[in-house]
């Protein structure tokens, strides 16, 4: 892989991590007056970790069972636009958003609550 091939991937990952970070800030900010600093950051972290874990698990399942799903769909004559590559990309996006969200929740917890 050349440097030219890596740059769009890096930008894409950075964009989705940034989206997750923004979501983490928004959720923690909305919960701050309701649950206090510790509750807001803990809840935001839990939601981000849930999204991250779901993305990892489903991405792994897509990698492992993607060919089987394609074969079943072809056998049944399905008309959907599902593809192994599209599913892997979608779940990778969920993983990167969850990673950004979780990282922001950790940073917010350190800033607002302390170590």
N, C-alpha and C. Protein backbone atom coordinates (compact mmCIF):
# COMPACT_ATOMS: atom_id res chain seq x y z
N UNK A 1 0.84 -1.16 0.00
CA UNK A 1 0.00 0.00 0.00
C UNK A 1 0.89 1.24 0.00
N UNK A 2 0.59 2.17 -0.83
CA UNK A 2 1.38 3.39 -0.89
C UNK A 2 0.79 4.45 0.01
N UNK A 3 1.54 5.54 0.19
CA UNK A 3 1.03 6.64 1.01
C UNK A 3 -0.25 7.21 0.42
N UNK A 4 -0.34 7.20 -0.87
CA UNK A 4 -1.52 7.74 -1.52
C UNK A 4 -2.76 6.91 -1.18
N UNK A 5 -2.60 5.60 -1.04
CA UNK A 5 -3.72 4.74 -0.70
C UNK A 5 -4.15 4.88 0.76
N UNK A 6 -3.25 5.26 1.64
CA UNK A 6 -3.54 5.31 3.07
C UNK A 6 -4.24 6.61 3.46
N UNK A 7 -3.97 7.68 2.80
CA UNK A 7 -4.51 8.99 3.20
C UNK A 7 -6.04 9.04 3.23
N UNK A 8 -6.74 8.58 2.19
CA UNK A 8 -8.21 8.63 2.29
C UNK A 8 -8.74 7.78 3.45
N UNK A 9 -8.11 6.65 3.72
CA UNK A 9 -8.54 5.82 4.84
C UNK A 9 -8.35 6.56 6.16
N UNK A 10 -7.19 7.19 6.32
CA UNK A 10 -6.92 7.95 7.54
C UNK A 10 -7.89 9.10 7.74
N UNK A 11 -8.23 9.79 6.67
CA UNK A 11 -9.21 10.87 6.76
C UNK A 11 -10.59 10.34 7.13
N UNK A 12 -10.94 9.22 6.56
CA UNK A 12 -12.24 8.63 6.85
C UNK A 12 -12.33 8.22 8.32
N UNK A 13 -11.29 7.56 8.81
CA UNK A 13 -11.27 7.16 10.22
C UNK A 13 -11.32 8.38 11.11
N UNK A 14 -10.51 9.39 10.79
CA UNK A 14 -10.50 10.62 11.61
C UNK A 14 -11.86 11.29 11.61
N UNK A 15 -12.54 11.29 10.47
CA UNK A 15 -13.87 11.92 10.40
C UNK A 15 -14.85 11.18 11.31
N UNK A 16 -14.86 9.84 11.26
CA UNK A 16 -15.82 9.09 12.07
C UNK A 16 -15.47 9.12 13.55
N UNK A 17 -14.19 9.14 13.88
CA UNK A 17 -13.79 9.29 15.28
C UNK A 17 -14.22 10.68 15.78
N UNK A 18 -14.09 11.69 14.92
CA UNK A 18 -14.53 13.04 15.28
C UNK A 18 -16.04 13.11 15.49
N UNK A 19 -16.80 12.41 14.66
CA UNK A 19 -18.25 12.36 14.84
C UNK A 19 -18.58 11.72 16.19
N UNK A 20 -17.87 10.64 16.51
CA UNK A 20 -18.09 9.99 17.81
C UNK A 20 -17.72 10.90 18.96
N UNK A 21 -16.61 11.64 18.81
CA UNK A 21 -16.20 12.57 19.87
C UNK A 21 -17.25 13.64 20.07
N UNK A 22 -17.80 14.15 18.99
CA UNK A 22 -18.86 15.16 19.09
C UNK A 22 -20.09 14.59 19.77
N UNK A 23 -20.46 13.37 19.42
CA UNK A 23 -21.60 12.73 20.09
C UNK A 23 -21.34 12.55 21.58
N UNK A 24 -20.12 12.15 21.92
CA UNK A 24 -19.78 11.99 23.34
C UNK A 24 -19.90 13.30 24.10
N UNK A 25 -19.44 14.40 23.49
CA UNK A 25 -19.55 15.71 24.13
C UNK A 25 -21.00 16.14 24.29
N UNK A 26 -21.79 15.92 23.25
CA UNK A 26 -23.20 16.32 23.30
C UNK A 26 -23.94 15.53 24.37
N UNK A 27 -23.75 14.22 24.39
CA UNK A 27 -24.46 13.39 25.37
C UNK A 27 -24.04 13.75 26.79
N UNK A 28 -22.73 13.88 27.01
CA UNK A 28 -22.26 14.24 28.35
C UNK A 28 -22.77 15.63 28.74
N UNK A 29 -22.78 16.55 27.78
CA UNK A 29 -23.28 17.89 28.06
C UNK A 29 -24.76 17.93 28.39
N UNK A 30 -25.54 17.12 27.68
CA UNK A 30 -26.97 17.06 27.97
C UNK A 30 -27.26 16.40 29.32
N UNK A 31 -26.45 15.43 29.69
CA UNK A 31 -26.67 14.72 30.95
C UNK A 31 -26.08 15.45 32.15
N UNK A 32 -25.18 16.39 31.92
CA UNK A 32 -24.49 17.06 33.01
C UNK A 32 -25.44 17.73 34.02
N UNK A 33 -26.43 18.53 33.59
CA UNK A 33 -27.32 19.14 34.59
C UNK A 33 -28.26 18.14 35.27
N UNK A 34 -28.48 17.00 34.63
CA UNK A 34 -29.41 16.01 35.17
C UNK A 34 -28.72 15.07 36.15
N UNK A 35 -27.57 14.54 35.75
CA UNK A 35 -26.92 13.48 36.53
C UNK A 35 -25.65 13.92 37.23
N UNK A 36 -25.21 15.13 37.03
CA UNK A 36 -23.95 15.56 37.62
C UNK A 36 -22.78 15.11 36.76
N UNK A 37 -21.59 15.55 37.11
CA UNK A 37 -20.40 15.29 36.29
C UNK A 37 -20.09 13.79 36.21
N UNK A 38 -20.06 13.12 37.34
CA UNK A 38 -19.71 11.69 37.34
C UNK A 38 -20.76 10.87 36.60
N UNK A 39 -22.02 11.11 36.87
CA UNK A 39 -23.09 10.35 36.20
C UNK A 39 -23.13 10.60 34.70
N UNK A 40 -22.92 11.85 34.30
CA UNK A 40 -22.95 12.19 32.87
C UNK A 40 -21.81 11.52 32.12
N UNK A 41 -20.61 11.59 32.68
CA UNK A 41 -19.47 10.99 31.98
C UNK A 41 -19.52 9.46 32.04
N UNK A 42 -20.00 8.90 33.14
CA UNK A 42 -20.13 7.44 33.22
C UNK A 42 -21.15 6.92 32.21
N UNK A 43 -22.29 7.60 32.10
CA UNK A 43 -23.32 7.19 31.15
C UNK A 43 -22.84 7.36 29.72
N UNK A 44 -22.18 8.48 29.44
CA UNK A 44 -21.65 8.70 28.10
C UNK A 44 -20.62 7.64 27.74
N UNK A 45 -19.75 7.29 28.69
CA UNK A 45 -18.78 6.24 28.45
C UNK A 45 -19.46 4.91 28.17
N UNK A 46 -20.48 4.58 28.95
CA UNK A 46 -21.18 3.31 28.77
C UNK A 46 -21.84 3.22 27.40
N UNK A 47 -22.45 4.30 26.96
CA UNK A 47 -23.09 4.31 25.64
C UNK A 47 -22.06 4.20 24.53
N UNK A 48 -20.94 4.91 24.66
CA UNK A 48 -19.88 4.82 23.67
C UNK A 48 -19.26 3.44 23.61
N UNK A 49 -19.03 2.84 24.79
CA UNK A 49 -18.46 1.49 24.83
C UNK A 49 -19.44 0.47 24.25
N UNK A 50 -20.74 0.67 24.47
CA UNK A 50 -21.75 -0.21 23.89
C UNK A 50 -21.71 -0.15 22.37
N UNK A 51 -21.64 1.05 21.82
CA UNK A 51 -21.56 1.22 20.37
C UNK A 51 -20.27 0.63 19.82
N UNK A 52 -19.16 0.87 20.51
CA UNK A 52 -17.87 0.32 20.09
C UNK A 52 -17.91 -1.21 20.10
N UNK A 53 -18.41 -1.80 21.17
CA UNK A 53 -18.49 -3.26 21.27
C UNK A 53 -19.41 -3.87 20.23
N UNK A 54 -20.55 -3.22 19.98
CA UNK A 54 -21.47 -3.71 18.96
C UNK A 54 -20.81 -3.65 17.58
N UNK A 55 -20.10 -2.56 17.31
CA UNK A 55 -19.42 -2.43 16.02
C UNK A 55 -18.36 -3.49 15.83
N UNK A 56 -17.56 -3.74 16.86
CA UNK A 56 -16.50 -4.76 16.78
C UNK A 56 -17.12 -6.14 16.57
N UNK A 57 -18.13 -6.47 17.36
CA UNK A 57 -18.72 -7.81 17.27
C UNK A 57 -19.38 -8.05 15.91
N UNK A 58 -20.12 -7.09 15.43
CA UNK A 58 -20.81 -7.28 14.15
C UNK A 58 -19.84 -7.21 12.98
N UNK A 59 -18.80 -6.40 13.09
CA UNK A 59 -17.79 -6.36 12.03
C UNK A 59 -17.10 -7.73 11.95
N UNK A 60 -16.74 -8.29 13.09
CA UNK A 60 -16.12 -9.61 13.11
C UNK A 60 -17.05 -10.68 12.55
N UNK A 61 -18.31 -10.59 12.87
CA UNK A 61 -19.28 -11.54 12.33
C UNK A 61 -19.42 -11.40 10.83
N UNK A 62 -19.38 -10.18 10.35
CA UNK A 62 -19.47 -9.95 8.91
C UNK A 62 -18.25 -10.51 8.19
N UNK A 63 -17.08 -10.32 8.78
CA UNK A 63 -15.87 -10.87 8.19
C UNK A 63 -15.94 -12.39 8.17
N UNK A 64 -16.38 -12.98 9.26
CA UNK A 64 -16.42 -14.43 9.37
C UNK A 64 -17.53 -15.10 8.58
N UNK A 65 -18.70 -14.48 8.54
CA UNK A 65 -19.85 -15.13 7.93
C UNK A 65 -20.35 -14.42 6.68
N UNK A 66 -19.60 -13.45 6.19
CA UNK A 66 -20.03 -12.68 5.02
C UNK A 66 -20.22 -13.52 3.79
N UNK A 67 -19.31 -14.45 3.53
CA UNK A 67 -19.44 -15.32 2.37
C UNK A 67 -20.67 -16.21 2.49
N UNK A 68 -20.94 -16.69 3.69
CA UNK A 68 -22.12 -17.54 3.90
C UNK A 68 -23.40 -16.75 3.66
N UNK A 69 -23.44 -15.52 4.14
CA UNK A 69 -24.62 -14.68 3.91
C UNK A 69 -24.82 -14.41 2.43
N UNK A 70 -23.73 -14.15 1.73
CA UNK A 70 -23.83 -13.92 0.28
C UNK A 70 -24.34 -15.16 -0.43
N UNK A 71 -23.85 -16.34 -0.01
CA UNK A 71 -24.28 -17.59 -0.64
C UNK A 71 -25.75 -17.86 -0.37
N UNK A 72 -26.20 -17.63 0.85
CA UNK A 72 -27.62 -17.83 1.18
C UNK A 72 -28.48 -16.86 0.38
N UNK A 73 -28.05 -15.64 0.29
CA UNK A 73 -28.82 -14.65 -0.46
C UNK A 73 -28.89 -15.02 -1.94
N UNK A 74 -27.78 -15.49 -2.50
CA UNK A 74 -27.78 -15.90 -3.90
C UNK A 74 -28.67 -17.13 -4.10
N UNK A 75 -28.63 -18.06 -3.15
CA UNK A 75 -29.44 -19.28 -3.24
C UNK A 75 -30.93 -18.97 -3.18
N UNK A 76 -31.30 -18.04 -2.32
CA UNK A 76 -32.71 -17.69 -2.18
C UNK A 76 -33.18 -16.69 -3.23
N UNK A 77 -32.26 -16.15 -3.99
CA UNK A 77 -32.64 -15.18 -5.02
C UNK A 77 -33.04 -13.85 -4.44
N UNK A 78 -32.39 -13.44 -3.36
CA UNK A 78 -32.73 -12.17 -2.70
C UNK A 78 -32.44 -10.98 -3.58
N UNK A 79 -33.26 -9.97 -3.44
CA UNK A 79 -33.14 -8.76 -4.23
C UNK A 79 -32.52 -7.61 -3.47
N UNK A 80 -32.02 -7.85 -2.27
CA UNK A 80 -31.47 -6.75 -1.48
C UNK A 80 -30.10 -6.36 -2.02
N UNK A 81 -29.65 -5.22 -1.62
CA UNK A 81 -28.35 -4.70 -2.04
C UNK A 81 -27.27 -5.01 -1.02
N UNK A 82 -27.50 -5.98 -0.13
CA UNK A 82 -26.53 -6.33 0.89
C UNK A 82 -25.28 -6.88 0.24
N UNK A 83 -24.14 -6.42 0.73
CA UNK A 83 -22.87 -6.98 0.27
C UNK A 83 -21.94 -7.10 1.47
N UNK A 84 -21.00 -8.01 1.36
CA UNK A 84 -20.05 -8.22 2.45
C UNK A 84 -19.22 -6.96 2.68
N UNK A 85 -18.77 -6.33 1.62
CA UNK A 85 -17.97 -5.11 1.75
C UNK A 85 -18.75 -3.97 2.36
N UNK A 86 -20.00 -3.80 1.96
CA UNK A 86 -20.83 -2.75 2.52
C UNK A 86 -21.12 -2.95 3.99
N UNK A 87 -21.37 -4.20 4.38
CA UNK A 87 -21.62 -4.49 5.78
C UNK A 87 -20.37 -4.26 6.62
N UNK A 88 -19.21 -4.68 6.11
CA UNK A 88 -17.96 -4.45 6.84
C UNK A 88 -17.71 -2.97 7.02
N UNK A 89 -17.97 -2.18 5.99
CA UNK A 89 -17.77 -0.75 6.08
C UNK A 89 -18.73 -0.12 7.09
N UNK A 90 -19.98 -0.52 7.08
CA UNK A 90 -20.97 0.04 8.00
C UNK A 90 -20.60 -0.26 9.45
N UNK A 91 -20.18 -1.47 9.74
CA UNK A 91 -19.86 -1.82 11.11
C UNK A 91 -18.51 -1.25 11.53
N UNK A 92 -17.62 -1.02 10.57
CA UNK A 92 -16.37 -0.32 10.90
C UNK A 92 -16.67 1.12 11.29
N UNK A 93 -17.62 1.74 10.62
CA UNK A 93 -18.02 3.11 10.98
C UNK A 93 -18.56 3.13 12.41
N UNK A 94 -19.41 2.17 12.76
CA UNK A 94 -19.92 2.11 14.14
C UNK A 94 -18.79 1.95 15.14
N UNK A 95 -17.80 1.14 14.79
CA UNK A 95 -16.66 0.92 15.68
C UNK A 95 -15.88 2.21 15.89
N UNK A 96 -15.59 2.94 14.83
CA UNK A 96 -14.81 4.18 14.96
C UNK A 96 -15.60 5.26 15.68
N UNK A 97 -16.90 5.35 15.43
CA UNK A 97 -17.73 6.32 16.16
C UNK A 97 -17.73 5.98 17.65
N UNK A 98 -17.88 4.71 17.97
CA UNK A 98 -17.84 4.29 19.37
C UNK A 98 -16.50 4.56 20.03
N UNK A 99 -15.42 4.39 19.27
CA UNK A 99 -14.09 4.67 19.82
C UNK A 99 -13.93 6.16 20.13
N UNK A 100 -14.38 7.01 19.23
CA UNK A 100 -14.31 8.46 19.48
C UNK A 100 -15.18 8.88 20.64
N UNK A 101 -16.36 8.32 20.72
CA UNK A 101 -17.30 8.62 21.80
C UNK A 101 -16.71 8.20 23.14
N UNK A 102 -16.17 6.98 23.20
CA UNK A 102 -15.60 6.47 24.45
C UNK A 102 -14.39 7.29 24.88
N UNK A 103 -13.52 7.62 23.94
CA UNK A 103 -12.34 8.42 24.25
C UNK A 103 -12.71 9.80 24.77
N UNK A 104 -13.71 10.42 24.19
CA UNK A 104 -14.15 11.73 24.66
C UNK A 104 -14.77 11.63 26.05
N UNK A 105 -15.50 10.57 26.31
CA UNK A 105 -16.09 10.39 27.64
C UNK A 105 -15.01 10.22 28.69
N UNK A 106 -13.95 9.50 28.35
CA UNK A 106 -12.84 9.34 29.29
C UNK A 106 -12.17 10.69 29.55
N UNK A 107 -11.92 11.44 28.48
CA UNK A 107 -11.28 12.76 28.63
C UNK A 107 -12.17 13.70 29.44
N UNK A 108 -13.48 13.68 29.17
CA UNK A 108 -14.39 14.54 29.92
C UNK A 108 -14.44 14.13 31.39
N UNK A 109 -14.38 12.86 31.65
CA UNK A 109 -14.38 12.39 33.03
C UNK A 109 -13.12 12.84 33.77
N UNK A 110 -11.99 12.77 33.11
CA UNK A 110 -10.75 13.24 33.75
C UNK A 110 -10.80 14.73 34.00
N UNK A 111 -11.35 15.49 33.04
CA UNK A 111 -11.44 16.96 33.23
C UNK A 111 -12.46 17.37 34.26
N UNK A 112 -13.63 16.72 34.26
CA UNK A 112 -14.72 17.16 35.14
C UNK A 112 -14.69 16.50 36.52
N UNK A 113 -14.30 15.24 36.58
CA UNK A 113 -14.34 14.50 37.83
C UNK A 113 -12.95 14.38 38.45
N UNK A 114 -11.96 14.20 37.61
CA UNK A 114 -10.59 14.00 38.07
C UNK A 114 -10.21 12.53 38.05
N UNK A 115 -8.98 12.28 38.41
CA UNK A 115 -8.52 10.89 38.43
C UNK A 115 -9.01 10.26 39.68
